[in-house]
Amino acid sequence: MENELNIVNLLYSWRIAEAKKRLEGKLSNEIYATDLIYCPLKYRYQRTYSELALGTAFNPVTLYGEIIHQGLEKLLSILFGEDNVRVEVEYEKSVQLDLDKNTYAYVIKGRIDAIVGDYIIEIKSGSSDRNLPYEQHIIQARIYMWLSNLDKAILLYVTPNRIVEYQIKGTMSDKEITELVKSIITGQPAPRYIWECK
């Protein structure tokens, strides 16, 4: 007998539709904050082979993280009141990059998990709580601070062993953003972190 209600199928269909929507709406001069924090070759390959970016939608770990995000965003709205919490807030800023005697314009976009008062809340989930907070997450929070003109962020980690938060201060400078953009356009350094090639 076939099950009429298939929640697993619904979850994956929703996740894939969200990933497709995001990919299809991305212009050639747009760079997501998350593109800036990982290996520049990942950015290049995902632009060339869009199915790579869609592949993460099938990853159970990614779906697990999305479920954690959705639940915590809802819970923050309950705890602080819906009028005091903004979730999945999108920001964008333009940057100019001088490269090979030409000037290129890029739009940096980011979607902040939640903003409570003047705090950015960036939610992270994982299987381990070793070596937290991760450098790439600190950089991501600082990019969000730059995008939003806010100067305080909390990295909130949810792992099987604990829930922990880290206060992040110090927004990214325009120069640091430009250097990150330059790195993914030129493909250097690749990998950005040693663990990315393991």
Protein backbone atom coordinates (compact mmCIF):
# COMPACT_ATOMS: atom_id res chain seq x y z
CA MET A 1 0.00 0.00 0.00
CA GLU A 2 1.40 3.37 -1.00
CA ASN A 3 1.62 6.08 1.63
CA GLU A 4 -0.50 9.06 0.56
CA LEU A 5 1.36 11.43 2.83
CA ASN A 6 5.09 11.47 2.06
CA ILE A 7 6.77 14.09 4.23
CA VAL A 8 10.30 13.16 3.16
CA ASN A 9 9.36 13.72 -0.46
CA LEU A 10 7.73 17.05 0.42
CA LEU A 11 10.81 18.22 2.34
CA TYR A 12 13.21 17.42 -0.48
CA SER A 13 10.89 18.89 -3.11
CA TRP A 14 10.64 22.11 -1.10
CA ARG A 15 14.42 22.27 -0.61
CA ILE A 16 15.13 21.67 -4.31
CA ALA A 17 12.55 24.28 -5.37
CA GLU A 18 14.17 26.82 -3.03
CA ALA A 19 17.64 26.07 -4.40
CA LYS A 20 16.42 26.35 -8.01
CA LYS A 21 14.68 29.64 -7.29
CA ARG A 22 17.84 31.05 -5.80
CA LEU A 23 20.02 29.87 -8.67
CA GLU A 24 17.69 31.05 -11.40
CA GLY A 25 17.40 34.50 -9.86
CA LYS A 26 21.16 35.02 -9.51
CA LEU A 27 22.61 37.50 -12.00
CA SER A 28 26.12 37.12 -13.41
CA ASN A 29 27.46 40.06 -11.38
CA GLU A 30 25.88 38.93 -8.10
CA ILE A 31 27.94 37.30 -5.40
CA TYR A 32 26.40 35.83 -2.27
CA ALA A 33 28.07 36.38 1.09
CA THR A 34 28.40 32.60 1.38
CA ASP A 35 30.33 32.54 -1.93
CA LEU A 36 32.96 34.77 -0.32
CA ILE A 37 33.74 32.49 2.62
CA TYR A 38 34.69 29.27 0.84
CA CYS A 39 37.10 28.08 -1.83
CA PRO A 40 37.05 30.36 -4.90
CA LEU A 41 37.01 27.28 -7.14
CA LYS A 42 33.72 26.19 -5.57
CA TYR A 43 32.22 29.50 -6.72
CA ARG A 44 33.64 29.05 -10.22
CA TYR A 45 32.48 25.43 -10.55
CA GLN A 46 28.99 26.20 -9.30
CA ARG A 47 28.68 28.99 -11.87
CA THR A 48 29.83 26.68 -14.65
CA TYR A 49 27.97 23.57 -13.48
CA SER A 50 24.78 24.73 -11.77
CA GLU A 51 23.83 21.14 -10.96
CA LEU A 52 26.64 21.17 -8.35
CA ALA A 53 24.82 23.88 -6.44
CA LEU A 54 21.57 21.94 -6.73
CA GLY A 55 23.32 18.83 -5.39
CA THR A 56 23.52 20.31 -1.89
CA ALA A 57 19.72 20.37 -1.80
CA PHE A 58 19.79 16.56 -1.76
CA ASN A 59 22.23 16.42 1.14
CA PRO A 60 20.47 15.31 4.37
CA VAL A 61 22.90 17.41 6.44
CA THR A 62 21.89 20.52 4.49
CA LEU A 63 18.21 19.72 4.97
CA TYR A 64 18.83 19.11 8.69
CA GLY A 65 20.46 22.54 8.93
CA GLU A 66 17.53 24.16 7.14
CA ILE A 67 15.07 22.55 9.56
CA ILE A 68 17.12 23.83 12.52
CA HIS A 69 17.14 27.32 10.95
CA GLN A 70 13.40 27.38 10.33
CA GLY A 71 12.65 26.16 13.85
CA LEU A 72 14.94 28.64 15.57
CA GLU A 73 13.73 31.55 13.46
CA LYS A 74 10.16 30.71 14.50
CA LEU A 75 11.20 30.27 18.13
CA LEU A 76 13.00 33.64 18.17
CA SER A 77 9.79 35.26 16.91
CA ILE A 78 7.87 33.61 19.75
CA LEU A 79 10.45 34.53 22.43
CA PHE A 80 11.01 38.15 21.38
CA GLY A 81 7.65 38.83 19.71
CA GLU A 82 7.05 38.89 15.97
CA ASP A 83 7.32 42.69 15.88
CA ASN A 84 10.82 42.55 17.42
CA VAL A 85 12.36 39.92 15.14
CA ARG A 86 13.00 40.05 11.43
CA VAL A 87 13.90 36.73 9.80
CA GLU A 88 15.66 35.95 6.54
CA VAL A 89 16.44 39.61 5.96
CA GLU A 90 18.09 40.30 2.61
CA TYR A 91 20.66 43.03 2.02
CA GLU A 92 22.84 43.98 -0.90
CA LYS A 93 25.63 46.44 -1.64
CA SER A 94 27.63 47.23 -4.74
CA VAL A 95 31.41 47.11 -4.97
CA GLN A 96 33.83 48.11 -7.69
CA LEU A 97 36.78 45.88 -8.50
CA ASP A 98 39.75 47.08 -10.54
CA LEU A 99 41.27 44.11 -12.31
CA ASP A 100 43.50 43.95 -15.40
CA LYS A 101 43.06 47.69 -16.09
CA ASN A 102 39.27 47.34 -16.08
CA THR A 103 36.67 48.21 -13.47
CA TYR A 104 33.95 45.67 -12.74
CA ALA A 105 30.81 46.20 -10.69
CA TYR A 106 29.56 43.43 -8.43
CA VAL A 107 26.57 43.19 -6.13
CA ILE A 108 27.18 41.45 -2.82
CA LYS A 109 24.01 39.87 -1.44
CA GLY A 110 23.31 38.26 1.88
CA ARG A 111 20.35 36.80 3.70
CA ILE A 112 20.64 37.21 7.45
CA ASP A 113 18.91 34.51 9.49
CA ALA A 114 17.46 36.92 12.04
CA ILE A 115 17.81 40.43 13.38
CA VAL A 116 16.76 41.06 16.98
CA GLY A 117 17.03 44.73 17.89
CA ASP A 118 20.42 45.77 16.56
CA TYR A 119 21.88 42.24 16.69
CA ILE A 120 22.42 39.96 13.73
CA ILE A 121 21.69 36.34 14.66
CA GLU A 122 23.44 33.82 12.41
CA ILE A 123 22.32 30.24 13.07
CA LYS A 124 24.68 27.33 12.48
CA SER A 125 24.11 23.63 13.00
CA GLY A 126 26.55 20.77 12.91
CA SER A 127 27.53 17.39 14.20
CA SER A 128 30.54 18.62 16.18
CA ASP A 129 31.20 21.45 18.58
CA ARG A 130 34.99 21.29 18.34
CA ASN A 131 36.97 24.43 17.50
CA LEU A 132 33.97 26.76 17.52
CA PRO A 133 33.46 29.38 16.25
CA TYR A 134 34.69 28.56 12.75
CA GLU A 135 36.67 31.23 10.94
CA GLN A 136 34.44 31.15 7.86
CA HIS A 137 31.37 31.77 10.02
CA ILE A 138 33.03 34.75 11.72
CA ILE A 139 33.82 36.17 8.27
CA GLN A 140 30.24 35.56 7.15
CA ALA A 141 28.88 37.40 10.21
CA ARG A 142 31.26 40.30 9.55
CA ILE A 143 30.12 40.44 5.91
CA TYR A 144 26.52 40.61 7.12
CA MET A 145 27.48 43.43 9.47
CA TRP A 146 28.99 45.29 6.50
CA LEU A 147 25.87 44.69 4.38
CA SER A 148 23.41 45.76 7.08
CA ASN A 149 25.42 48.56 8.73
CA LEU A 150 24.94 46.81 12.07
CA ASP A 151 27.91 46.33 14.36
CA LYS A 152 26.92 43.37 16.54
CA ALA A 153 26.35 39.75 15.63
CA ILE A 154 25.78 36.49 17.45
CA LEU A 155 26.84 33.17 15.97
CA LEU A 156 24.43 30.63 17.44
CA TYR A 157 25.62 27.03 17.09
CA VAL A 158 23.30 24.07 17.60
CA THR A 159 25.07 20.70 17.89
CA PRO A 160 24.07 17.38 19.47
CA ASN A 161 26.30 18.21 22.46
CA ARG A 162 25.42 21.82 23.17
CA ILE A 163 23.91 25.08 22.07
CA VAL A 164 26.40 27.92 22.30
CA GLU A 165 26.65 31.51 21.13
CA TYR A 166 29.58 33.74 20.26
CA GLN A 167 29.50 37.53 20.13
CA ILE A 168 31.11 38.87 16.96
CA LYS A 169 32.26 42.46 16.70
CA GLY A 170 34.05 44.37 13.99
CA THR A 171 32.39 44.76 10.62
CA MET A 172 34.24 43.96 7.40
CA SER A 173 35.89 46.95 5.77
CA ASP A 174 35.28 47.89 2.14
CA LYS A 175 38.88 46.89 1.43
CA GLU A 176 38.42 43.43 2.99
CA ILE A 177 35.24 42.89 0.96
CA THR A 178 37.01 43.93 -2.25
CA GLU A 179 39.85 41.50 -1.49
CA LEU A 180 37.37 38.65 -0.95
CA VAL A 181 35.63 39.48 -4.23
CA LYS A 182 38.97 39.62 -6.02
CA SER A 183 39.91 36.21 -4.58
CA ILE A 184 36.84 34.45 -5.97
CA ILE A 185 37.08 36.18 -9.35
CA THR A 186 40.77 35.27 -9.74
CA GLY A 187 40.34 31.83 -8.13
CA GLN A 188 43.00 32.41 -5.49
CA PRO A 189 43.70 31.14 -2.91
CA ALA A 190 42.38 27.71 -3.72
CA PRO A 191 41.54 26.15 -1.41
CA ARG A 192 40.79 28.97 1.02
CA TYR A 193 41.08 26.48 3.90
CA ILE A 194 43.08 23.23 3.94
CA TRP A 195 40.06 21.16 5.04
CA GLU A 196 38.11 22.07 1.88
CA CYS A 197 40.09 19.58 -0.20
CA LYS A 198 39.82 16.64 2.19
